[in-house]
Amino acid sequence: MGLESIIVWLIVGAIAGWLAGMVVKGGGFGLIGDIIVGIIGAVIAGWLLPRLGIFIGGGIVAAIIDAFIGAVILLIILRLIKRA
């Protein structure tokens, strides 16, 4: 994995985490937290969406959408755990 890949992961994670924090109110964790949520969300979506038969496509926009979906799922799960 090259430096460009790492930079793309960080950018996609930051955008997806920030968007997910906006959608799930009270879900923002700051810049570093949003990047982590976005990257973990990308992993969740990368595992879950193909099993559901959902394929967004390729490219940076599809990666952001996938990571956003996964990040929203992650933030909802974290919120449910926090309430319990």
PDB file of N, CA and C in Angstrom:
ATOM      1  N   MET A   1       0.859  -1.162   0.000  1.00  0.00           N
ATOM      2  CA  MET A   1       0.000   0.000   0.000  1.00  0.00           C
ATOM      3  C   MET A   1       0.911   1.232   0.000  1.00  0.00           C
ATOM      4  N   GLY A   2       0.658   2.096  -0.961  1.00  0.00           N
ATOM      5  CA  GLY A   2       1.475   3.286  -1.102  1.00  0.00           C
ATOM      6  C   GLY A   2       0.941   4.459  -0.299  1.00  0.00           C
ATOM      7  N   LEU A   3       1.691   5.518  -0.324  1.00  0.00           N
ATOM      8  CA  LEU A   3       1.320   6.732   0.387  1.00  0.00           C
ATOM      9  C   LEU A   3       0.014   7.305  -0.156  1.00  0.00           C
ATOM     10  N   GLU A   4      -0.184   7.203  -1.477  1.00  0.00           N
ATOM     11  CA  GLU A   4      -1.415   7.722  -2.077  1.00  0.00           C
ATOM     12  C   GLU A   4      -2.646   6.990  -1.545  1.00  0.00           C
ATOM     13  N   SER A   5      -2.535   5.676  -1.366  1.00  0.00           N
ATOM     14  CA  SER A   5      -3.646   4.884  -0.842  1.00  0.00           C
ATOM     15  C   SER A   5      -4.005   5.314   0.574  1.00  0.00           C
ATOM     16  N   ILE A   6      -2.997   5.544   1.379  1.00  0.00           N
ATOM     17  CA  ILE A   6      -3.234   5.967   2.758  1.00  0.00           C
ATOM     18  C   ILE A   6      -3.909   7.332   2.787  1.00  0.00           C
ATOM     19  N   ILE A   7      -3.455   8.234   1.940  1.00  0.00           N
ATOM     20  CA  ILE A   7      -4.063   9.570   1.875  1.00  0.00           C
ATOM     21  C   ILE A   7      -5.517   9.477   1.427  1.00  0.00           C
ATOM     22  N   VAL A   8      -5.791   8.632   0.435  1.00  0.00           N
ATOM     23  CA  VAL A   8      -7.177   8.457  -0.032  1.00  0.00           C
ATOM     24  C   VAL A   8      -8.030   7.879   1.086  1.00  0.00           C
ATOM     25  N   TRP A   9      -7.528   6.892   1.825  1.00  0.00           N
ATOM     26  CA  TRP A   9      -8.269   6.321   2.951  1.00  0.00           C
ATOM     27  C   TRP A   9      -8.609   7.396   3.978  1.00  0.00           C
ATOM     28  N   LEU A  10      -7.642   8.248   4.285  1.00  0.00           N
ATOM     29  CA  LEU A  10      -7.869   9.300   5.279  1.00  0.00           C
ATOM     30  C   LEU A  10      -8.893  10.310   4.784  1.00  0.00           C
ATOM     31  N   ILE A  11      -8.811  10.673   3.523  1.00  0.00           N
ATOM     32  CA  ILE A  11      -9.778  11.639   2.968  1.00  0.00           C
ATOM     33  C   ILE A  11     -11.168  11.043   2.934  1.00  0.00           C
ATOM     34  N   VAL A  12     -11.288   9.820   2.426  1.00  0.00           N
ATOM     35  CA  VAL A  12     -12.592   9.150   2.379  1.00  0.00           C
ATOM     36  C   VAL A  12     -13.146   8.974   3.791  1.00  0.00           C
ATOM     37  N   GLY A  13     -12.301   8.556   4.724  1.00  0.00           N
ATOM     38  CA  GLY A  13     -12.745   8.378   6.108  1.00  0.00           C
ATOM     39  C   GLY A  13     -13.199   9.679   6.741  1.00  0.00           C
ATOM     40  N   ALA A  14     -12.469  10.759   6.478  1.00  0.00           N
ATOM     41  CA  ALA A  14     -12.838  12.059   7.053  1.00  0.00           C
ATOM     42  C   ALA A  14     -14.165  12.535   6.500  1.00  0.00           C
ATOM     43  N   ILE A  15     -14.344  12.445   5.195  1.00  0.00           N
ATOM     44  CA  ILE A  15     -15.595  12.905   4.578  1.00  0.00           C
ATOM     45  C   ILE A  15     -16.766  12.053   5.054  1.00  0.00           C
ATOM     46  N   ALA A  16     -16.607  10.730   5.006  1.00  0.00           N
ATOM     47  CA  ALA A  16     -17.693   9.836   5.411  1.00  0.00           C
ATOM     48  C   ALA A  16     -18.021   9.988   6.893  1.00  0.00           C
ATOM     49  N   GLY A  17     -17.002  10.085   7.733  1.00  0.00           N
ATOM     50  CA  GLY A  17     -17.241  10.249   9.172  1.00  0.00           C
ATOM     51  C   GLY A  17     -17.916  11.563   9.493  1.00  0.00           C
ATOM     52  N   TRP A  18     -17.499  12.623   8.803  1.00  0.00           N
ATOM     53  CA  TRP A  18     -18.116  13.932   9.028  1.00  0.00           C
ATOM     54  C   TRP A  18     -19.579  13.921   8.579  1.00  0.00           C
ATOM     55  N   LEU A  19     -19.845  13.374   7.401  1.00  0.00           N
ATOM     56  CA  LEU A  19     -21.227  13.300   6.910  1.00  0.00           C
ATOM     57  C   LEU A  19     -22.095  12.449   7.835  1.00  0.00           C
ATOM     58  N   ALA A  20     -21.567  11.328   8.288  1.00  0.00           N
ATOM     59  CA  ALA A  20     -22.322  10.464   9.196  1.00  0.00           C
ATOM     60  C   ALA A  20     -22.594  11.175  10.521  1.00  0.00           C
ATOM     61  N   GLY A  21     -21.632  11.946  11.003  1.00  0.00           N
ATOM     62  CA  GLY A  21     -21.827  12.716  12.228  1.00  0.00           C
ATOM     63  C   GLY A  21     -22.919  13.770  12.067  1.00  0.00           C
ATOM     64  N   MET A  22     -23.050  14.314  10.848  1.00  0.00           N
ATOM     65  CA  MET A  22     -24.105  15.281  10.578  1.00  0.00           C
ATOM     66  C   MET A  22     -25.478  14.610  10.539  1.00  0.00           C
ATOM     67  N   VAL A  23     -25.536  13.403   9.988  1.00  0.00           N
ATOM     68  CA  VAL A  23     -26.811  12.687   9.866  1.00  0.00           C
ATOM     69  C   VAL A  23     -27.256  12.133  11.212  1.00  0.00           C
ATOM     70  N   VAL A  24     -26.344  11.504  11.930  1.00  0.00           N
ATOM     71  CA  VAL A  24     -26.649  10.941  13.240  1.00  0.00           C
ATOM     72  C   VAL A  24     -26.272  12.005  14.264  1.00  0.00           C
ATOM     73  N   LYS A  25     -27.239  12.746  14.713  1.00  0.00           N
ATOM     74  CA  LYS A  25     -26.974  13.870  15.618  1.00  0.00           C
ATOM     75  C   LYS A  25     -26.288  13.393  16.881  1.00  0.00           C
ATOM     76  N   GLY A  26     -25.313  14.147  17.301  1.00  0.00           N
ATOM     77  CA  GLY A  26     -24.552  13.790  18.485  1.00  0.00           C
ATOM     78  C   GLY A  26     -23.520  12.715  18.208  1.00  0.00           C
ATOM     79  N   GLY A  27     -23.268  12.437  16.926  1.00  0.00           N
ATOM     80  CA  GLY A  27     -22.355  11.364  16.578  1.00  0.00           C
ATOM     81  C   GLY A  27     -20.973  11.827  16.200  1.00  0.00           C
ATOM     82  N   GLY A  28     -20.733  13.127  16.153  1.00  0.00           N
ATOM     83  CA  GLY A  28     -19.425  13.619  15.750  1.00  0.00           C
ATOM     84  C   GLY A  28     -18.381  13.410  16.832  1.00  0.00           C
ATOM     85  N   PHE A  29     -17.169  13.063  16.437  1.00  0.00           N
ATOM     86  CA  PHE A  29     -16.103  12.801  17.398  1.00  0.00           C
ATOM     87  C   PHE A  29     -14.880  13.654  17.132  1.00  0.00           C
ATOM     88  N   GLY A  30     -14.999  14.748  16.422  1.00  0.00           N
ATOM     89  CA  GLY A  30     -13.839  15.550  16.058  1.00  0.00           C
ATOM     90  C   GLY A  30     -13.185  14.987  14.811  1.00  0.00           C
ATOM     91  N   LEU A  31     -12.156  15.647  14.321  1.00  0.00           N
ATOM     92  CA  LEU A  31     -11.544  15.264  13.053  1.00  0.00           C
ATOM     93  C   LEU A  31     -10.966  13.853  13.091  1.00  0.00           C
ATOM     94  N   ILE A  32     -10.142  13.556  14.078  1.00  0.00           N
ATOM     95  CA  ILE A  32      -9.510  12.233  14.160  1.00  0.00           C
ATOM     96  C   ILE A  32     -10.566  11.158  14.389  1.00  0.00           C
ATOM     97  N   GLY A  33     -11.504  11.422  15.267  1.00  0.00           N
ATOM     98  CA  GLY A  33     -12.581  10.459  15.526  1.00  0.00           C
ATOM     99  C   GLY A  33     -13.432  10.214  14.302  1.00  0.00           C
ATOM    100  N   ASP A  34     -13.738  11.277  13.549  1.00  0.00           N
ATOM    101  CA  ASP A  34     -14.528  11.122  12.332  1.00  0.00           C
ATOM    102  C   ASP A  34     -13.778  10.304  11.285  1.00  0.00           C
ATOM    103  N   ILE A  35     -12.473  10.516  11.177  1.00  0.00           N
ATOM    104  CA  ILE A  35     -11.676   9.726  10.234  1.00  0.00           C
ATOM    105  C   ILE A  35     -11.724   8.249  10.625  1.00  0.00           C
ATOM    106  N   ILE A  36     -11.569   7.978  11.905  1.00  0.00           N
ATOM    107  CA  ILE A  36     -11.603   6.589  12.374  1.00  0.00           C
ATOM    108  C   ILE A  36     -12.975   5.978  12.148  1.00  0.00           C
ATOM    109  N   VAL A  37     -14.040   6.718  12.471  1.00  0.00           N
ATOM    110  CA  VAL A  37     -15.395   6.229  12.239  1.00  0.00           C
ATOM    111  C   VAL A  37     -15.616   5.974  10.755  1.00  0.00           C
ATOM    112  N   GLY A  38     -15.139   6.872   9.907  1.00  0.00           N
ATOM    113  CA  GLY A  38     -15.299   6.696   8.467  1.00  0.00           C
ATOM    114  C   GLY A  38     -14.552   5.481   7.945  1.00  0.00           C
ATOM    115  N   ILE A  39     -13.335   5.252   8.421  1.00  0.00           N
ATOM    116  CA  ILE A  39     -12.556   4.094   7.966  1.00  0.00           C
ATOM    117  C   ILE A  39     -13.183   2.793   8.465  1.00  0.00           C
ATOM    118  N   ILE A  40     -13.584   2.762   9.722  1.00  0.00           N
ATOM    119  CA  ILE A  40     -14.266   1.578  10.246  1.00  0.00           C
ATOM    120  C   ILE A  40     -15.589   1.375   9.517  1.00  0.00           C
ATOM    121  N   GLY A  41     -16.283   2.471   9.214  1.00  0.00           N
ATOM    122  CA  GLY A  41     -17.516   2.386   8.441  1.00  0.00           C
ATOM    123  C   GLY A  41     -17.286   1.813   7.058  1.00  0.00           C
ATOM    124  N   ALA A  42     -16.162   2.161   6.440  1.00  0.00           N
ATOM    125  CA  ALA A  42     -15.836   1.602   5.129  1.00  0.00           C
ATOM    126  C   ALA A  42     -15.621   0.098   5.218  1.00  0.00           C
ATOM    127  N   VAL A  43     -14.978  -0.340   6.294  1.00  0.00           N
ATOM    128  CA  VAL A  43     -14.765  -1.780   6.482  1.00  0.00           C
ATOM    129  C   VAL A  43     -16.108  -2.477   6.701  1.00  0.00           C
ATOM    130  N   ILE A  44     -16.968  -1.891   7.525  1.00  0.00           N
ATOM    131  CA  ILE A  44     -18.292  -2.470   7.776  1.00  0.00           C
ATOM    132  C   ILE A  44     -19.087  -2.559   6.476  1.00  0.00           C
ATOM    133  N   ALA A  45     -19.117  -1.474   5.728  1.00  0.00           N
ATOM    134  CA  ALA A  45     -19.873  -1.458   4.475  1.00  0.00           C
ATOM    135  C   ALA A  45     -19.264  -2.406   3.454  1.00  0.00           C
ATOM    136  N   GLY A  46     -17.935  -2.498   3.423  1.00  0.00           N
ATOM    137  CA  GLY A  46     -17.269  -3.409   2.508  1.00  0.00           C
ATOM    138  C   GLY A  46     -17.605  -4.862   2.788  1.00  0.00           C
ATOM    139  N   TRP A  47     -17.902  -5.169   4.028  1.00  0.00           N
ATOM    140  CA  TRP A  47     -18.285  -6.526   4.388  1.00  0.00           C
ATOM    141  C   TRP A  47     -19.788  -6.743   4.231  1.00  0.00           C
ATOM    142  N   LEU A  48     -20.603  -5.774   4.682  1.00  0.00           N
ATOM    143  CA  LEU A  48     -22.045  -5.955   4.767  1.00  0.00           C
ATOM    144  C   LEU A  48     -22.772  -5.775   3.433  1.00  0.00           C
ATOM    145  N   LEU A  49     -22.456  -4.722   2.705  1.00  0.00           N
ATOM    146  CA  LEU A  49     -23.222  -4.409   1.493  1.00  0.00           C
ATOM    147  C   LEU A  49     -23.169  -5.506   0.435  1.00  0.00           C
ATOM    148  N   PRO A  50     -22.017  -6.107   0.135  1.00  0.00           N
ATOM    149  CA  PRO A  50     -22.037  -7.200  -0.850  1.00  0.00           C
ATOM    150  C   PRO A  50     -22.875  -8.395  -0.399  1.00  0.00           C
ATOM    151  N   ARG A  51     -22.924  -8.649   0.907  1.00  0.00           N
ATOM    152  CA  ARG A  51     -23.741  -9.750   1.410  1.00  0.00           C
ATOM    153  C   ARG A  51     -25.231  -9.470   1.273  1.00  0.00           C
ATOM    154  N   LEU A  52     -25.574  -8.195   1.226  1.00  0.00           N
ATOM    155  CA  LEU A  52     -26.972  -7.801   1.008  1.00  0.00           C
ATOM    156  C   LEU A  52     -27.294  -7.647  -0.471  1.00  0.00           C
ATOM    157  N   GLY A  53     -26.299  -7.827  -1.330  1.00  0.00           N
ATOM    158  CA  GLY A  53     -26.502  -7.698  -2.764  1.00  0.00           C
ATOM    159  C   GLY A  53     -26.498  -6.264  -3.255  1.00  0.00           C
ATOM    160  N   ILE A  54     -25.892  -5.361  -2.473  1.00  0.00           N
ATOM    161  CA  ILE A  54     -25.849  -3.942  -2.839  1.00  0.00           C
ATOM    162  C   ILE A  54     -24.444  -3.617  -3.332  1.00  0.00           C
ATOM    163  N   PHE A  55     -24.363  -3.162  -4.587  1.00  0.00           N
ATOM    164  CA  PHE A  55     -23.085  -2.776  -5.172  1.00  0.00           C
ATOM    165  C   PHE A  55     -23.199  -1.341  -5.658  1.00  0.00           C
ATOM    166  N   ILE A  56     -22.449  -0.431  -5.067  1.00  0.00           N
ATOM    167  CA  ILE A  56     -22.511   0.991  -5.394  1.00  0.00           C
ATOM    168  C   ILE A  56     -21.734   1.281  -6.670  1.00  0.00           C
ATOM    169  N   GLY A  57     -20.622   0.644  -6.871  1.00  0.00           N
ATOM    170  CA  GLY A  57     -19.789   0.901  -8.043  1.00  0.00           C
ATOM    171  C   GLY A  57     -18.359   1.158  -7.627  1.00  0.00           C
ATOM    172  N   GLY A  58     -17.576   1.689  -8.553  1.00  0.00           N
ATOM    173  CA  GLY A  58     -16.179   1.957  -8.280  1.00  0.00           C
ATOM    174  C   GLY A  58     -15.902   3.443  -8.260  1.00  0.00           C
ATOM    175  N   GLY A  59     -14.723   3.802  -7.841  1.00  0.00           N
ATOM    176  CA  GLY A  59     -14.325   5.203  -7.817  1.00  0.00           C
ATOM    177  C   GLY A  59     -14.410   5.811  -6.440  1.00  0.00           C
ATOM    178  N   ILE A  60     -13.967   7.040  -6.360  1.00  0.00           N
ATOM    179  CA  ILE A  60     -13.882   7.738  -5.072  1.00  0.00           C
ATOM    180  C   ILE A  60     -15.263   8.074  -4.516  1.00  0.00           C
ATOM    181  N   VAL A  61     -16.197   8.448  -5.381  1.00  0.00           N
ATOM    182  CA  VAL A  61     -17.546   8.792  -4.903  1.00  0.00           C
ATOM    183  C   VAL A  61     -18.221   7.556  -4.329  1.00  0.00           C
ATOM    184  N   ALA A  62     -18.088   6.410  -4.989  1.00  0.00           N
ATOM    185  CA  ALA A  62     -18.673   5.174  -4.476  1.00  0.00           C
ATOM    186  C   ALA A  62     -18.017   4.781  -3.157  1.00  0.00           C
ATOM    187  N   ALA A  63     -16.714   5.004  -3.027  1.00  0.00           N
ATOM    188  CA  ALA A  63     -16.026   4.700  -1.772  1.00  0.00           C
ATOM    189  C   ALA A  63     -16.548   5.573  -0.637  1.00  0.00           C
ATOM    190  N   ILE A  64     -16.789   6.844  -0.919  1.00  0.00           N
ATOM    191  CA  ILE A  64     -17.326   7.748   0.103  1.00  0.00           C
ATOM    192  C   ILE A  64     -18.735   7.327   0.493  1.00  0.00           C
ATOM    193  N   ILE A  65     -19.560   6.960  -0.491  1.00  0.00           N
ATOM    194  CA  ILE A  65     -20.930   6.521  -0.196  1.00  0.00           C
ATOM    195  C   ILE A  65     -20.913   5.249   0.634  1.00  0.00           C
ATOM    196  N   ASP A  66     -20.080   4.275   0.248  1.00  0.00           N
ATOM    197  CA  ASP A  66     -19.958   3.041   1.037  1.00  0.00           C
ATOM    198  C   ASP A  66     -19.523   3.336   2.466  1.00  0.00           C
ATOM    199  N   ALA A  67     -18.481   4.128   2.610  1.00  0.00           N
ATOM    200  CA  ALA A  67     -17.970   4.450   3.940  1.00  0.00           C
ATOM    201  C   ALA A  67     -19.003   5.223   4.755  1.00  0.00           C
ATOM    202  N   PHE A  68     -19.747   6.099   4.097  1.00  0.00           N
ATOM    203  CA  PHE A  68     -20.795   6.857   4.780  1.00  0.00           C
ATOM    204  C   PHE A  68     -21.868   5.917   5.323  1.00  0.00           C
ATOM    205  N   ILE A  69     -22.316   4.978   4.502  1.00  0.00           N
ATOM    206  CA  ILE A  69     -23.340   4.028   4.941  1.00  0.00           C
ATOM    207  C   ILE A  69     -22.829   3.226   6.139  1.00  0.00           C
ATOM    208  N   GLY A  70     -21.611   2.734   6.043  1.00  0.00           N
ATOM    209  CA  GLY A  70     -21.029   1.979   7.149  1.00  0.00           C
ATOM    210  C   GLY A  70     -20.839   2.822   8.398  1.00  0.00           C
ATOM    211  N   ALA A  71     -20.440   4.076   8.221  1.00  0.00           N
ATOM    212  CA  ALA A  71     -20.238   4.962   9.367  1.00  0.00           C
ATOM    213  C   ALA A  71     -21.558   5.276  10.071  1.00  0.00           C
ATOM    214  N   VAL A  72     -22.618   5.460   9.293  1.00  0.00           N
ATOM    215  CA  VAL A  72     -23.935   5.698   9.902  1.00  0.00           C
ATOM    216  C   VAL A  72     -24.354   4.471  10.707  1.00  0.00           C
ATOM    217  N   ILE A  73     -24.159   3.293  10.149  1.00  0.00           N
ATOM    218  CA  ILE A  73     -24.477   2.058  10.870  1.00  0.00           C
ATOM    219  C   ILE A  73     -23.673   1.985  12.164  1.00  0.00           C
ATOM    220  N   LEU A  74     -22.383   2.279  12.070  1.00  0.00           N
ATOM    221  CA  LEU A  74     -21.519   2.245  13.253  1.00  0.00           C
ATOM    222  C   LEU A  74     -21.973   3.250  14.307  1.00  0.00           C
ATOM    223  N   LEU A  75     -22.295   4.470  13.905  1.00  0.00           N
ATOM    224  CA  LEU A  75     -22.721   5.484  14.877  1.00  0.00           C
ATOM    225  C   LEU A  75     -24.045   5.118  15.535  1.00  0.00           C
ATOM    226  N   ILE A  76     -24.947   4.511  14.789  1.00  0.00           N
ATOM    227  CA  ILE A  76     -26.227   4.080  15.372  1.00  0.00           C
ATOM    228  C   ILE A  76     -25.984   2.975  16.394  1.00  0.00           C
ATOM    229  N   ILE A  77     -25.106   2.027  16.058  1.00  0.00           N
ATOM    230  CA  ILE A  77     -24.780   0.958  17.006  1.00  0.00           C
ATOM    231  C   ILE A  77     -24.114   1.533  18.261  1.00  0.00           C
ATOM    232  N   LEU A  78     -23.171   2.466  18.072  1.00  0.00           N
ATOM    233  CA  LEU A  78     -22.522   3.092  19.229  1.00  0.00           C
ATOM    234  C   LEU A  78     -23.518   3.839  20.102  1.00  0.00           C
ATOM    235  N   ARG A  79     -24.474   4.528  19.473  1.00  0.00           N
ATOM    236  CA  ARG A  79     -25.492   5.239  20.239  1.00  0.00           C
ATOM    237  C   ARG A  79     -26.364   4.277  21.031  1.00  0.00           C
ATOM    238  N   LEU A  80     -26.735   3.126  20.426  1.00  0.00           N
ATOM    239  CA  LEU A  80     -27.548   2.143  21.131  1.00  0.00           C
ATOM    240  C   LEU A  80     -26.784   1.544  22.308  1.00  0.00           C
ATOM    241  N   ILE A  81     -25.500   1.284  22.124  1.00  0.00           N
ATOM    242  CA  ILE A  81     -24.679   0.741  23.214  1.00  0.00           C
ATOM    243  C   ILE A  81     -24.521   1.765  24.329  1.00  0.00           C
ATOM    244  N   LYS A  82     -24.360   3.038  23.947  1.00  0.00           N
ATOM    245  CA  LYS A  82     -24.176   4.092  24.930  1.00  0.00           C
ATOM    246  C   LYS A  82     -25.415   4.273  25.805  1.00  0.00           C
ATOM    247  N   ARG A  83     -26.595   4.079  25.221  1.00  0.00           N
ATOM    248  CA  ARG A  83     -27.845   4.226  25.983  1.00  0.00           C
ATOM    249  C   ARG A  83     -28.063   3.091  26.959  1.00  0.00           C
ATOM    250  N   ALA A  84     -27.542   1.908  26.628  1.00  0.00           N
ATOM    251  CA  ALA A  84     -27.783   0.723  27.470  1.00  0.00           C
ATOM    252  C   ALA A  84     -26.972   0.741  28.733  1.00  0.00           C
TER     253      ALA A  84
END
